[in-house]
All heavy atoms as atom14 arrays in JSON, in Angstrom:
{
  "sequence": "SRADPVVGVAVKVAKYVGYVGLLLLVGPALVLAALWPRR",
  "atom14_mask": [
    [1, 1, 1, 1, 1, 1, 0, 0, 0, 0, 0, 0, 0, 0],
    [1, 1, 1, 1, 1, 1, 1, 1, 1, 1, 1, 0, 0, 0],
    [1, 1, 1, 1, 1, 0, 0, 0, 0, 0, 0, 0, 0, 0],
    [1, 1, 1, 1, 1, 1, 1, 1, 0, 0, 0, 0, 0, 0],
    [1, 1, 1, 1, 1, 1, 1, 0, 0, 0, 0, 0, 0, 0],
    [1, 1, 1, 1, 1, 1, 1, 0, 0, 0, 0, 0, 0, 0],
    [1, 1, 1, 1, 1, 1, 1, 0, 0, 0, 0, 0, 0, 0],
    [1, 1, 1, 1, 0, 0, 0, 0, 0, 0, 0, 0, 0, 0],
    [1, 1, 1, 1, 1, 1, 1, 0, 0, 0, 0, 0, 0, 0],
    [1, 1, 1, 1, 1, 0, 0, 0, 0, 0, 0, 0, 0, 0],
    [1, 1, 1, 1, 1, 1, 1, 0, 0, 0, 0, 0, 0, 0],
    [1, 1, 1, 1, 1, 1, 1, 1, 1, 0, 0, 0, 0, 0],
    [1, 1, 1, 1, 1, 1, 1, 0, 0, 0, 0, 0, 0, 0],
    [1, 1, 1, 1, 1, 0, 0, 0, 0, 0, 0, 0, 0, 0],
    [1, 1, 1, 1, 1, 1, 1, 1, 1, 0, 0, 0, 0, 0],
    [1, 1, 1, 1, 1, 1, 1, 1, 1, 1, 1, 1, 0, 0],
    [1, 1, 1, 1, 1, 1, 1, 0, 0, 0, 0, 0, 0, 0],
    [1, 1, 1, 1, 0, 0, 0, 0, 0, 0, 0, 0, 0, 0],
    [1, 1, 1, 1, 1, 1, 1, 1, 1, 1, 1, 1, 0, 0],
    [1, 1, 1, 1, 1, 1, 1, 0, 0, 0, 0, 0, 0, 0],
    [1, 1, 1, 1, 0, 0, 0, 0, 0, 0, 0, 0, 0, 0],
    [1, 1, 1, 1, 1, 1, 1, 1, 0, 0, 0, 0, 0, 0],
    [1, 1, 1, 1, 1, 1, 1, 1, 0, 0, 0, 0, 0, 0],
    [1, 1, 1, 1, 1, 1, 1, 1, 0, 0, 0, 0, 0, 0],
    [1, 1, 1, 1, 1, 1, 1, 1, 0, 0, 0, 0, 0, 0],
    [1, 1, 1, 1, 1, 1, 1, 0, 0, 0, 0, 0, 0, 0],
    [1, 1, 1, 1, 0, 0, 0, 0, 0, 0, 0, 0, 0, 0],
    [1, 1, 1, 1, 1, 1, 1, 0, 0, 0, 0, 0, 0, 0],
    [1, 1, 1, 1, 1, 0, 0, 0, 0, 0, 0, 0, 0, 0],
    [1, 1, 1, 1, 1, 1, 1, 1, 0, 0, 0, 0, 0, 0],
    [1, 1, 1, 1, 1, 1, 1, 0, 0, 0, 0, 0, 0, 0],
    [1, 1, 1, 1, 1, 1, 1, 1, 0, 0, 0, 0, 0, 0],
    [1, 1, 1, 1, 1, 0, 0, 0, 0, 0, 0, 0, 0, 0],
    [1, 1, 1, 1, 1, 0, 0, 0, 0, 0, 0, 0, 0, 0],
    [1, 1, 1, 1, 1, 1, 1, 1, 0, 0, 0, 0, 0, 0],
    [1, 1, 1, 1, 1, 1, 1, 1, 1, 1, 1, 1, 1, 1],
    [1, 1, 1, 1, 1, 1, 1, 0, 0, 0, 0, 0, 0, 0],
    [1, 1, 1, 1, 1, 1, 1, 1, 1, 1, 1, 0, 0, 0],
    [1, 1, 1, 1, 1, 1, 1, 1, 1, 1, 1, 0, 0, 0]
  ],
  "atom14_positions": [
    [[34.61, 5.7, 11.18], [33.58, 5.78, 10.16], [33.33, 4.51, 9.45], [32.46, 4.49, 8.53], [34.02, 6.89, 9.16], [35.24, 6.51, 8.53], [0.0, 0.0, 0.0], [0.0, 0.0, 0.0], [0.0, 0.0, 0.0], [0.0, 0.0, 0.0], [0.0, 0.0, 0.0], [0.0, 0.0, 0.0], [0.0, 0.0, 0.0], [0.0, 0.0, 0.0]],
    [[33.96, 3.47, 9.79], [33.79, 2.15, 9.12], [32.6, 1.47, 9.76], [32.45, 1.42, 11.01], [35.0, 1.3, 9.21], [35.03, 0.2, 8.18], [36.35, -0.56, 8.27], [36.35, -1.35, 9.52], [36.38, -2.66, 9.58], [36.38, -3.31, 8.46], [36.42, -3.32, 10.72], [0.0, 0.0, 0.0], [0.0, 0.0, 0.0], [0.0, 0.0, 0.0]],
    [[31.73, 0.91, 8.95], [30.53, 0.2, 9.46], [31.01, -1.08, 10.22], [31.93, -1.7, 9.81], [29.57, -0.19, 8.35], [0.0, 0.0, 0.0], [0.0, 0.0, 0.0], [0.0, 0.0, 0.0], [0.0, 0.0, 0.0], [0.0, 0.0, 0.0], [0.0, 0.0, 0.0], [0.0, 0.0, 0.0], [0.0, 0.0, 0.0], [0.0, 0.0, 0.0]],
    [[30.28, -1.41, 11.3], [30.55, -2.65, 11.99], [30.4, -3.82, 11.02], [29.47, -3.83, 10.27], [29.59, -2.72, 13.15], [29.98, -3.85, 14.13], [30.27, -4.95, 13.66], [29.98, -3.61, 15.33], [0.0, 0.0, 0.0], [0.0, 0.0, 0.0], [0.0, 0.0, 0.0], [0.0, 0.0, 0.0], [0.0, 0.0, 0.0], [0.0, 0.0, 0.0]],
    [[31.31, -4.81, 11.01], [31.13, -5.98, 10.12], [29.75, -6.7, 10.34], [29.23, -7.27, 9.43], [32.31, -6.9, 10.55], [33.37, -5.99, 11.15], [32.6, -4.85, 11.82], [0.0, 0.0, 0.0], [0.0, 0.0, 0.0], [0.0, 0.0, 0.0], [0.0, 0.0, 0.0], [0.0, 0.0, 0.0], [0.0, 0.0, 0.0], [0.0, 0.0, 0.0]],
    [[29.24, -6.6, 11.59], [27.94, -7.21, 11.82], [26.9, -6.57, 10.98], [25.91, -7.22, 10.54], [27.61, -7.09, 13.3], [26.2, -7.67, 13.59], [28.62, -7.82, 14.16], [0.0, 0.0, 0.0], [0.0, 0.0, 0.0], [0.0, 0.0, 0.0], [0.0, 0.0, 0.0], [0.0, 0.0, 0.0], [0.0, 0.0, 0.0], [0.0, 0.0, 0.0]],
    [[27.01, -5.25, 10.7], [26.03, -4.53, 9.89], [26.06, -5.11, 8.47], [24.96, -5.33, 7.85], [26.31, -3.05, 9.9], [25.42, -2.31, 8.95], [26.19, -2.5, 11.29], [0.0, 0.0, 0.0], [0.0, 0.0, 0.0], [0.0, 0.0, 0.0], [0.0, 0.0, 0.0], [0.0, 0.0, 0.0], [0.0, 0.0, 0.0], [0.0, 0.0, 0.0]],
    [[27.24, -5.31, 7.91], [27.33, -5.88, 6.57], [26.66, -7.21, 6.48], [25.93, -7.51, 5.5], [0.0, 0.0, 0.0], [0.0, 0.0, 0.0], [0.0, 0.0, 0.0], [0.0, 0.0, 0.0], [0.0, 0.0, 0.0], [0.0, 0.0, 0.0], [0.0, 0.0, 0.0], [0.0, 0.0, 0.0], [0.0, 0.0, 0.0], [0.0, 0.0, 0.0]],
    [[26.86, -8.08, 7.46], [26.25, -9.44, 7.46], [24.7, -9.29, 7.6], [23.95, -9.94, 6.92], [26.8, -10.28, 8.62], [26.01, -11.56, 8.73], [28.29, -10.53, 8.44], [0.0, 0.0, 0.0], [0.0, 0.0, 0.0], [0.0, 0.0, 0.0], [0.0, 0.0, 0.0], [0.0, 0.0, 0.0], [0.0, 0.0, 0.0], [0.0, 0.0, 0.0]],
    [[24.28, -8.37, 8.47], [22.85, -8.17, 8.65], [22.14, -7.66, 7.37], [21.0, -8.06, 7.06], [22.57, -7.13, 9.8], [0.0, 0.0, 0.0], [0.0, 0.0, 0.0], [0.0, 0.0, 0.0], [0.0, 0.0, 0.0], [0.0, 0.0, 0.0], [0.0, 0.0, 0.0], [0.0, 0.0, 0.0], [0.0, 0.0, 0.0], [0.0, 0.0, 0.0]],
    [[22.86, -6.81, 6.59], [22.26, -6.34, 5.35], [22.02, -7.52, 4.4], [21.03, -7.64, 3.73], [23.18, -5.26, 4.72], [22.69, -4.94, 3.3], [23.2, -4.0, 5.56], [0.0, 0.0, 0.0], [0.0, 0.0, 0.0], [0.0, 0.0, 0.0], [0.0, 0.0, 0.0], [0.0, 0.0, 0.0], [0.0, 0.0, 0.0], [0.0, 0.0, 0.0]],
    [[23.04, -8.37, 4.29], [22.89, -9.58, 3.43], [21.79, -10.46, 3.92], [21.03, -11.04, 3.06], [24.26, -10.34, 3.4], [25.44, -9.55, 2.76], [26.68, -10.31, 2.84], [27.82, -9.48, 2.32], [29.17, -10.1, 2.51], [0.0, 0.0, 0.0], [0.0, 0.0, 0.0], [0.0, 0.0, 0.0], [0.0, 0.0, 0.0], [0.0, 0.0, 0.0]],
    [[21.66, -10.68, 5.2], [20.6, -11.54, 5.75], [19.26, -10.9, 5.39], [18.26, -11.61, 5.0], [20.7, -11.72, 7.26], [19.56, -12.38, 7.86], [22.02, -12.52, 7.57], [0.0, 0.0, 0.0], [0.0, 0.0, 0.0], [0.0, 0.0, 0.0], [0.0, 0.0, 0.0], [0.0, 0.0, 0.0], [0.0, 0.0, 0.0], [0.0, 0.0, 0.0]],
    [[19.1, -9.57, 5.57], [17.85, -8.9, 5.29], [17.5, -9.05, 3.83], [16.3, -9.32, 3.51], [17.96, -7.42, 5.69], [0.0, 0.0, 0.0], [0.0, 0.0, 0.0], [0.0, 0.0, 0.0], [0.0, 0.0, 0.0], [0.0, 0.0, 0.0], [0.0, 0.0, 0.0], [0.0, 0.0, 0.0], [0.0, 0.0, 0.0], [0.0, 0.0, 0.0]],
    [[18.4, -8.93, 2.92], [18.14, -9.12, 1.5], [17.74, -10.55, 1.2], [16.85, -10.83, 0.37], [19.34, -8.72, 0.64], [19.61, -7.17, 0.73], [20.79, -6.8, -0.16], [21.06, -5.3, -0.06], [19.94, -4.48, -0.64], [0.0, 0.0, 0.0], [0.0, 0.0, 0.0], [0.0, 0.0, 0.0], [0.0, 0.0, 0.0], [0.0, 0.0, 0.0]],
    [[18.41, -11.53, 1.87], [18.08, -12.93, 1.66], [16.62, -13.19, 2.1], [15.9, -13.86, 1.39], [19.05, -13.79, 2.45], [18.87, -15.3, 2.26], [19.51, -15.94, 1.19], [18.02, -16.05, 3.05], [19.39, -17.31, 0.93], [17.89, -17.39, 2.81], [18.56, -18.02, 1.77], [18.38, -19.35, 1.6], [0.0, 0.0, 0.0], [0.0, 0.0, 0.0]],
    [[16.26, -12.66, 3.24], [14.88, -12.83, 3.75], [13.88, -12.29, 2.7], [12.83, -12.82, 2.46], [14.72, -12.19, 5.12], [13.23, -12.06, 5.48], [15.52, -12.91, 6.14], [0.0, 0.0, 0.0], [0.0, 0.0, 0.0], [0.0, 0.0, 0.0], [0.0, 0.0, 0.0], [0.0, 0.0, 0.0], [0.0, 0.0, 0.0], [0.0, 0.0, 0.0]],
    [[14.23, -11.08, 2.11], [13.38, -10.52, 1.07], [13.18, -11.44, -0.12], [12.09, -11.55, -0.64], [0.0, 0.0, 0.0], [0.0, 0.0, 0.0], [0.0, 0.0, 0.0], [0.0, 0.0, 0.0], [0.0, 0.0, 0.0], [0.0, 0.0, 0.0], [0.0, 0.0, 0.0], [0.0, 0.0, 0.0], [0.0, 0.0, 0.0], [0.0, 0.0, 0.0]],
    [[14.29, -12.07, -0.53], [14.16, -12.95, -1.66], [13.29, -14.16, -1.4], [12.39, -14.56, -2.15], [15.53, -13.43, -2.13], [16.44, -12.33, -2.68], [17.83, -12.36, -2.46], [15.89, -11.31, -3.47], [18.66, -11.37, -2.95], [16.73, -10.29, -3.96], [18.11, -10.37, -3.66], [18.86, -9.35, -4.17], [0.0, 0.0, 0.0], [0.0, 0.0, 0.0]],
    [[13.46, -14.71, -0.16], [12.71, -15.83, 0.23], [11.21, -15.45, 0.3], [10.27, -16.17, -0.16], [13.14, -16.46, 1.59], [12.15, -17.46, 2.11], [14.51, -16.98, 1.47], [0.0, 0.0, 0.0], [0.0, 0.0, 0.0], [0.0, 0.0, 0.0], [0.0, 0.0, 0.0], [0.0, 0.0, 0.0], [0.0, 0.0, 0.0], [0.0, 0.0, 0.0]],
    [[10.92, -14.28, 0.93], [9.56, -13.8, 1.0], [8.93, -13.63, -0.32], [7.72, -13.89, -0.59], [0.0, 0.0, 0.0], [0.0, 0.0, 0.0], [0.0, 0.0, 0.0], [0.0, 0.0, 0.0], [0.0, 0.0, 0.0], [0.0, 0.0, 0.0], [0.0, 0.0, 0.0], [0.0, 0.0, 0.0], [0.0, 0.0, 0.0], [0.0, 0.0, 0.0]],
    [[9.71, -13.06, -1.32], [9.18, -12.84, -2.65], [8.7, -14.14, -3.34], [7.56, -14.2, -3.88], [10.25, -12.2, -3.51], [9.8, -11.72, -4.92], [8.72, -10.69, -4.86], [11.03, -11.21, -5.7], [0.0, 0.0, 0.0], [0.0, 0.0, 0.0], [0.0, 0.0, 0.0], [0.0, 0.0, 0.0], [0.0, 0.0, 0.0], [0.0, 0.0, 0.0]],
    [[9.5, -15.2, -3.23], [9.09, -16.47, -3.87], [7.92, -17.13, -3.13], [7.05, -17.71, -3.75], [10.28, -17.39, -4.05], [10.9, -18.03, -2.8], [10.22, -19.37, -2.45], [12.45, -18.27, -3.0], [0.0, 0.0, 0.0], [0.0, 0.0, 0.0], [0.0, 0.0, 0.0], [0.0, 0.0, 0.0], [0.0, 0.0, 0.0], [0.0, 0.0, 0.0]],
    [[7.89, -16.92, -1.78], [6.74, -17.48, -1.03], [5.47, -16.73, -1.29], [4.34, -17.2, -1.09], [7.07, -17.42, 0.47], [8.17, -18.35, 0.94], [8.4, -18.26, 2.44], [7.96, -19.82, 0.51], [0.0, 0.0, 0.0], [0.0, 0.0, 0.0], [0.0, 0.0, 0.0], [0.0, 0.0, 0.0], [0.0, 0.0, 0.0], [0.0, 0.0, 0.0]],
    [[5.57, -15.5, -1.74], [4.4, -14.68, -2.1], [3.95, -14.95, -3.52], [2.75, -15.14, -3.81], [4.77, -13.2, -1.9], [3.75, -12.14, -2.38], [2.43, -12.37, -1.63], [4.22, -10.75, -2.21], [0.0, 0.0, 0.0], [0.0, 0.0, 0.0], [0.0, 0.0, 0.0], [0.0, 0.0, 0.0], [0.0, 0.0, 0.0], [0.0, 0.0, 0.0]],
    [[4.85, -14.95, -4.45], [4.58, -15.12, -5.89], [4.04, -16.48, -6.19], [3.07, -16.67, -6.95], [5.79, -14.78, -6.77], [5.48, -15.13, -8.21], [6.12, -13.28, -6.63], [0.0, 0.0, 0.0], [0.0, 0.0, 0.0], [0.0, 0.0, 0.0], [0.0, 0.0, 0.0], [0.0, 0.0, 0.0], [0.0, 0.0, 0.0], [0.0, 0.0, 0.0]],
    [[4.69, -17.55, -5.64], [4.31, -18.91, -5.9], [2.86, -19.21, -5.62], [2.12, -19.62, -6.46], [0.0, 0.0, 0.0], [0.0, 0.0, 0.0], [0.0, 0.0, 0.0], [0.0, 0.0, 0.0], [0.0, 0.0, 0.0], [0.0, 0.0, 0.0], [0.0, 0.0, 0.0], [0.0, 0.0, 0.0], [0.0, 0.0, 0.0], [0.0, 0.0, 0.0]],
    [[2.35, -19.03, -4.39], [0.96, -19.25, -4.02], [0.0, -18.38, -4.84], [-1.02, -18.87, -5.34], [0.87, -18.89, -2.56], [2.25, -19.11, -2.01], [3.14, -18.68, -3.13], [0.0, 0.0, 0.0], [0.0, 0.0, 0.0], [0.0, 0.0, 0.0], [0.0, 0.0, 0.0], [0.0, 0.0, 0.0], [0.0, 0.0, 0.0], [0.0, 0.0, 0.0]],
    [[0.33, -17.1, -5.07], [-0.55, -16.26, -5.8], [-0.72, -16.75, -7.26], [-1.82, -16.78, -7.81], [0.0, -14.78, -5.84], [0.0, 0.0, 0.0], [0.0, 0.0, 0.0], [0.0, 0.0, 0.0], [0.0, 0.0, 0.0], [0.0, 0.0, 0.0], [0.0, 0.0, 0.0], [0.0, 0.0, 0.0], [0.0, 0.0, 0.0], [0.0, 0.0, 0.0]],
    [[0.39, -17.13, -7.89], [0.35, -17.61, -9.27], [-0.41, -18.93, -9.41], [-1.3, -19.08, -10.23], [1.72, -17.76, -9.79], [1.93, -18.1, -11.27], [1.37, -16.99, -12.14], [3.36, -18.42, -11.59], [0.0, 0.0, 0.0], [0.0, 0.0, 0.0], [0.0, 0.0, 0.0], [0.0, 0.0, 0.0], [0.0, 0.0, 0.0], [0.0, 0.0, 0.0]],
    [[-0.08, -19.9, -8.51], [-0.74, -21.2, -8.58], [-2.23, -21.09, -8.23], [-3.09, -21.71, -8.91], [-0.05, -22.18, -7.65], [-0.82, -23.51, -7.56], [1.42, -22.43, -8.18], [0.0, 0.0, 0.0], [0.0, 0.0, 0.0], [0.0, 0.0, 0.0], [0.0, 0.0, 0.0], [0.0, 0.0, 0.0], [0.0, 0.0, 0.0], [0.0, 0.0, 0.0]],
    [[-2.56, -20.33, -7.19], [-3.98, -20.23, -6.82], [-4.8, -19.51, -7.93], [-5.97, -19.81, -8.16], [-4.13, -19.41, -5.51], [-3.67, -20.13, -4.29], [-3.8, -19.22, -3.06], [-4.5, -21.36, -4.01], [0.0, 0.0, 0.0], [0.0, 0.0, 0.0], [0.0, 0.0, 0.0], [0.0, 0.0, 0.0], [0.0, 0.0, 0.0], [0.0, 0.0, 0.0]],
    [[-4.18, -18.65, -8.69], [-4.88, -17.91, -9.77], [-5.07, -18.77, -11.01], [-6.06, -18.57, -11.67], [-4.13, -16.63, -10.17], [0.0, 0.0, 0.0], [0.0, 0.0, 0.0], [0.0, 0.0, 0.0], [0.0, 0.0, 0.0], [0.0, 0.0, 0.0], [0.0, 0.0, 0.0], [0.0, 0.0, 0.0], [0.0, 0.0, 0.0], [0.0, 0.0, 0.0]],
    [[-4.17, -19.76, -11.28], [-4.25, -20.45, -12.55], [-4.26, -21.96, -12.5], [-4.79, -22.59, -13.41], [-3.04, -19.99, -13.45], [0.0, 0.0, 0.0], [0.0, 0.0, 0.0], [0.0, 0.0, 0.0], [0.0, 0.0, 0.0], [0.0, 0.0, 0.0], [0.0, 0.0, 0.0], [0.0, 0.0, 0.0], [0.0, 0.0, 0.0], [0.0, 0.0, 0.0]],
    [[-3.72, -22.57, -11.45], [-3.52, -24.01, -11.45], [-4.21, -24.75, -10.27], [-4.22, -25.96, -10.27], [-2.01, -24.32, -11.4], [-1.18, -23.93, -12.6], [0.29, -24.25, -12.41], [-1.67, -24.53, -13.9], [0.0, 0.0, 0.0], [0.0, 0.0, 0.0], [0.0, 0.0, 0.0], [0.0, 0.0, 0.0], [0.0, 0.0, 0.0], [0.0, 0.0, 0.0]],
    [[-4.75, -24.07, -9.37], [-5.29, -24.73, -8.13], [-6.6, -25.48, -8.4], [-7.56, -24.86, -8.91], [-5.46, -23.64, -7.0], [-5.63, -24.31, -5.71], [-6.82, -24.31, -5.0], [-4.68, -24.95, -4.83], [-6.65, -24.96, -3.74], [-5.3, -25.35, -3.7], [-3.35, -25.21, -5.01], [-4.67, -26.01, -2.64], [-2.67, -25.9, -3.96], [-3.36, -26.28, -2.84]],
    [[-6.71, -26.74, -8.03], [-7.97, -27.42, -8.2], [-9.04, -26.87, -7.27], [-8.77, -26.54, -6.13], [-7.6, -28.91, -7.79], [-6.11, -29.01, -7.96], [-5.57, -27.62, -7.6], [0.0, 0.0, 0.0], [0.0, 0.0, 0.0], [0.0, 0.0, 0.0], [0.0, 0.0, 0.0], [0.0, 0.0, 0.0], [0.0, 0.0, 0.0], [0.0, 0.0, 0.0]],
    [[-10.21, -26.71, -7.8], [-11.32, -26.09, -7.02], [-11.69, -26.87, -5.75], [-12.13, -26.31, -4.74], [-12.54, -25.94, -7.87], [-12.4, -24.89, -8.95], [-13.71, -24.69, -9.76], [-13.55, -23.63, -10.79], [-13.87, -22.35, -10.51], [-14.34, -22.08, -9.32], [-13.74, -21.47, -11.49], [0.0, 0.0, 0.0], [0.0, 0.0, 0.0], [0.0, 0.0, 0.0]],
    [[-11.5, -28.21, -5.77], [-11.94, -28.98, -4.67], [-11.04, -28.9, -3.42], [-11.43, -29.19, -2.31], [-12.09, -30.44, -5.06], [-10.77, -31.16, -5.29], [-10.89, -32.63, -5.54], [-9.59, -33.25, -5.61], [-8.91, -33.66, -4.61], [-9.4, -33.57, -3.35], [-7.65, -34.23, -4.72], [0.0, 0.0, 0.0], [0.0, 0.0, 0.0], [0.0, 0.0, 0.0]]
  ]
}
């Protein structure tokens, strides 16, 4: 009944990918909305 250790590592990797994706999504959206030069 114990989860494979690979599963535990995979869960951490998946969460890490989510954090990276979040900052790559929020950064462009925020800068394009308020700071991006029109030219």
